[in-house]
Amino acid sequence: MDDDSMGRTAMRTGARRPRQGEAFWREMVAAWKMSGVGTRRFCGEQGLAVSTFGLWRKKFTARRLERVCWL
């Protein structure tokens, strides 16, 4: 923890991961499916933001549905 100029202790939040690309998120979604645990627990264990994970999962689902519709 760091002290500011007033002598107060600043709380550190969780360290942010560097931005990851599509391949990383595909791997994470696949690992989540294999894990059998809920999204919140999986994301907590992996240090991922639940909201970001959900956005990528939704994006992949939408793409899969688009391909199915074109067949």
C-alpha atoms as a PDB file:
ATOM      1  CA  MET A   1       0.000   0.000   0.000  1.00  0.00           C
ATOM      2  CA  ASP A   2       1.118   3.516  -0.682  1.00  0.00           C
ATOM      3  CA  ASP A   3       0.836   6.617   1.457  1.00  0.00           C
ATOM      4  CA  ASP A   4      -0.397   9.793  -0.174  1.00  0.00           C
ATOM      5  CA  SER A   5       0.851  13.307   0.689  1.00  0.00           C
ATOM      6  CA  MET A   6      -1.685  13.551   3.561  1.00  0.00           C
ATOM      7  CA  GLY A   7      -0.344  10.396   5.222  1.00  0.00           C
ATOM      8  CA  ARG A   8      -3.384   8.294   4.319  1.00  0.00           C
ATOM      9  CA  THR A   9      -2.919   4.770   3.105  1.00  0.00           C
ATOM     10  CA  ALA A  10      -4.197   4.171  -0.409  1.00  0.00           C
ATOM     11  CA  MET A  11      -5.817   0.812  -1.078  1.00  0.00           C
ATOM     12  CA  ARG A  12      -4.568  -1.022  -4.130  1.00  0.00           C
ATOM     13  CA  THR A  13      -7.112  -2.591  -6.380  1.00  0.00           C
ATOM     14  CA  GLY A  14      -6.522  -5.811  -8.295  1.00  0.00           C
ATOM     15  CA  ALA A  15      -3.776  -5.654 -10.858  1.00  0.00           C
ATOM     16  CA  ARG A  16      -5.076  -5.186 -14.385  1.00  0.00           C
ATOM     17  CA  ARG A  17      -4.167  -7.655 -17.077  1.00  0.00           C
ATOM     18  CA  PRO A  18      -2.833  -6.405 -20.366  1.00  0.00           C
ATOM     19  CA  ARG A  19      -5.455  -6.390 -23.120  1.00  0.00           C
ATOM     20  CA  GLN A  20      -5.957  -9.774 -24.693  1.00  0.00           C
ATOM     21  CA  GLY A  21      -7.063 -10.664 -28.180  1.00  0.00           C
ATOM     22  CA  GLU A  22      -9.671 -12.976 -29.615  1.00  0.00           C
ATOM     23  CA  ALA A  23      -7.524 -16.109 -29.355  1.00  0.00           C
ATOM     24  CA  PHE A  24      -7.056 -15.605 -25.616  1.00  0.00           C
ATOM     25  CA  TRP A  25     -10.787 -15.131 -25.037  1.00  0.00           C
ATOM     26  CA  ARG A  26     -11.695 -18.166 -27.185  1.00  0.00           C
ATOM     27  CA  GLU A  27      -9.348 -20.198 -25.019  1.00  0.00           C
ATOM     28  CA  MET A  28     -10.889 -18.809 -21.829  1.00  0.00           C
ATOM     29  CA  VAL A  29     -14.453 -19.527 -22.995  1.00  0.00           C
ATOM     30  CA  ALA A  30     -13.448 -23.077 -23.947  1.00  0.00           C
ATOM     31  CA  ALA A  31     -11.750 -23.574 -20.562  1.00  0.00           C
ATOM     32  CA  TRP A  32     -14.850 -22.256 -18.778  1.00  0.00           C
ATOM     33  CA  LYS A  33     -17.099 -24.697 -20.656  1.00  0.00           C
ATOM     34  CA  MET A  34     -14.819 -27.583 -19.675  1.00  0.00           C
ATOM     35  CA  SER A  35     -14.573 -26.454 -16.046  1.00  0.00           C
ATOM     36  CA  GLY A  36     -18.205 -27.018 -15.146  1.00  0.00           C
ATOM     37  CA  VAL A  37     -18.240 -24.029 -12.770  1.00  0.00           C
ATOM     38  CA  GLY A  38     -20.237 -20.819 -12.982  1.00  0.00           C
ATOM     39  CA  THR A  39     -18.947 -17.765 -14.790  1.00  0.00           C
ATOM     40  CA  ARG A  40     -18.388 -15.718 -11.631  1.00  0.00           C
ATOM     41  CA  ARG A  41     -16.354 -18.434  -9.977  1.00  0.00           C
ATOM     42  CA  PHE A  42     -14.349 -19.148 -13.137  1.00  0.00           C
ATOM     43  CA  CYS A  43     -13.598 -15.474 -13.690  1.00  0.00           C
ATOM     44  CA  GLY A  44     -12.618 -15.025 -10.055  1.00  0.00           C
ATOM     45  CA  GLU A  45     -10.221 -17.966 -10.229  1.00  0.00           C
ATOM     46  CA  GLN A  46      -8.705 -16.708 -13.492  1.00  0.00           C
ATOM     47  CA  GLY A  47      -8.549 -13.043 -12.490  1.00  0.00           C
ATOM     48  CA  LEU A  48     -10.935 -12.004 -15.271  1.00  0.00           C
ATOM     49  CA  ALA A  49     -13.617  -9.327 -15.247  1.00  0.00           C
ATOM     50  CA  VAL A  50     -17.007 -11.044 -15.404  1.00  0.00           C
ATOM     51  CA  SER A  51     -18.363  -8.294 -17.659  1.00  0.00           C
ATOM     52  CA  THR A  52     -15.528  -8.604 -20.184  1.00  0.00           C
ATOM     53  CA  PHE A  53     -15.789 -12.384 -20.187  1.00  0.00           C
ATOM     54  CA  GLY A  54     -19.518 -12.105 -20.812  1.00  0.00           C
ATOM     55  CA  LEU A  55     -19.033  -9.720 -23.734  1.00  0.00           C
ATOM     56  CA  TRP A  56     -16.596 -12.070 -25.463  1.00  0.00           C
ATOM     57  CA  ARG A  57     -18.796 -15.098 -24.799  1.00  0.00           C
ATOM     58  CA  LYS A  58     -21.766 -13.263 -26.304  1.00  0.00           C
ATOM     59  CA  LYS A  59     -19.687 -12.214 -29.323  1.00  0.00           C
ATOM     60  CA  PHE A  60     -18.627 -15.803 -30.019  1.00  0.00           C
ATOM     61  CA  THR A  61     -22.189 -17.089 -29.622  1.00  0.00           C
ATOM     62  CA  ALA A  62     -23.497 -14.452 -32.058  1.00  0.00           C
ATOM     63  CA  ARG A  63     -20.862 -15.362 -34.642  1.00  0.00           C
ATOM     64  CA  ARG A  64     -21.698 -19.051 -34.346  1.00  0.00           C
ATOM     65  CA  LEU A  65     -25.394 -18.320 -34.823  1.00  0.00           C
ATOM     66  CA  GLU A  66     -24.657 -16.175 -37.900  1.00  0.00           C
ATOM     67  CA  ARG A  67     -22.800 -19.082 -39.491  1.00  0.00           C
ATOM     68  CA  VAL A  68     -25.624 -21.497 -38.701  1.00  0.00           C
ATOM     69  CA  CYS A  69     -28.188 -19.149 -40.268  1.00  0.00           C
ATOM     70  CA  TRP A  70     -26.198 -18.977 -43.510  1.00  0.00           C
ATOM     71  CA  LEU A  71     -26.016 -22.748 -43.920  1.00  0.00           C
END
